[in-house]
Amino acid sequence: MPTQNLKIAAHLMRGRTITPVEALEISGCFRLSERIRELERLGWAIERGWVKTHGGARVRSYKWIPRVQQ
């Protein structure tokens, strides 16, 4: 798994959400949506949402949904 994906995955596994600005700060990633798609191809369940920034802009937010082992 590429380094950006590892950093993003570690952030999500802590139960946190991530936005594009946070991904840039955490991993230097400019294309968070593509990194999320790569994680989904690996079997990750990712929930998408919207959040407002302090300036009032809406940005995409992602959250990992752990799958329950049965």
Protein backbone atom coordinates (compact mmCIF):
# COMPACT_ATOMS: atom_id res chain seq x y z
CA MET A 1 0.00 0.00 0.00
CA PRO A 2 1.46 3.44 -0.90
CA THR A 3 2.62 5.67 1.94
CA GLN A 4 -0.24 8.17 1.51
CA ASN A 5 -2.77 5.36 1.83
CA LEU A 6 -1.06 4.06 4.97
CA LYS A 7 -1.17 7.46 6.64
CA ILE A 8 -4.80 8.02 5.65
CA ALA A 9 -5.76 4.49 6.74
CA ALA A 10 -4.06 4.95 10.12
CA HIS A 11 -5.95 8.23 10.62
CA LEU A 12 -9.29 6.57 9.77
CA MET A 13 -8.58 3.54 11.97
CA ARG A 14 -8.34 5.89 14.97
CA GLY A 15 -12.07 6.54 14.46
CA ARG A 16 -11.54 9.95 12.92
CA THR A 17 -13.03 11.46 9.79
CA ILE A 18 -10.83 12.99 7.12
CA THR A 19 -11.28 15.87 4.68
CA PRO A 20 -9.08 16.84 1.72
CA VAL A 21 -7.36 19.58 3.74
CA GLU A 22 -6.57 17.13 6.56
CA ALA A 23 -5.26 14.58 4.03
CA LEU A 24 -2.93 17.22 2.62
CA GLU A 25 -1.64 18.03 6.11
CA ILE A 26 -1.32 14.38 7.21
CA SER A 27 0.11 12.74 4.10
CA GLY A 28 0.75 15.37 1.42
CA CYS A 29 -2.18 13.94 -0.56
CA PHE A 30 -3.84 16.24 -3.10
CA ARG A 31 -6.34 13.59 -4.34
CA LEU A 32 -8.07 12.16 -1.30
CA SER A 33 -11.02 10.85 -3.31
CA GLU A 34 -8.67 8.62 -5.32
CA ARG A 35 -6.93 7.34 -2.17
CA ILE A 36 -10.38 6.52 -0.71
CA ARG A 37 -11.33 4.61 -3.87
CA GLU A 38 -8.08 2.62 -3.58
CA LEU A 39 -8.92 1.70 0.03
CA GLU A 40 -12.42 0.65 -1.07
CA ARG A 41 -10.91 -1.60 -3.77
CA LEU A 42 -8.98 -3.25 -0.93
CA GLY A 43 -12.27 -3.99 0.85
CA TRP A 44 -12.62 -1.00 3.17
CA ALA A 45 -16.14 0.30 3.84
CA ILE A 46 -16.04 4.10 3.70
CA GLU A 47 -18.92 6.45 4.54
CA ARG A 48 -19.10 9.79 2.74
CA GLY A 49 -20.54 13.00 4.15
CA TRP A 50 -20.27 16.76 3.89
CA VAL A 51 -18.90 19.26 6.41
CA LYS A 52 -18.73 23.03 6.37
CA THR A 53 -15.42 24.78 6.78
CA HIS A 54 -14.97 27.85 8.96
CA GLY A 55 -15.29 29.91 5.77
CA GLY A 56 -18.66 28.31 4.98
CA ALA A 57 -17.53 26.09 2.09
CA ARG A 58 -18.78 22.50 1.95
CA VAL A 59 -16.14 19.79 1.62
CA ARG A 60 -16.36 16.02 1.44
CA SER A 61 -15.63 14.07 4.60
CA TYR A 62 -14.82 10.35 4.82
CA LYS A 63 -15.15 7.88 7.68
CA TRP A 64 -14.14 4.22 7.93
CA ILE A 65 -16.93 1.81 8.83
CA PRO A 66 -15.37 -1.27 10.47
CA ARG A 67 -17.00 -4.51 9.40
CA VAL A 68 -18.21 -6.73 12.19
CA GLN A 69 -16.65 -10.20 12.20
CA GLN A 70 -19.21 -12.98 12.46
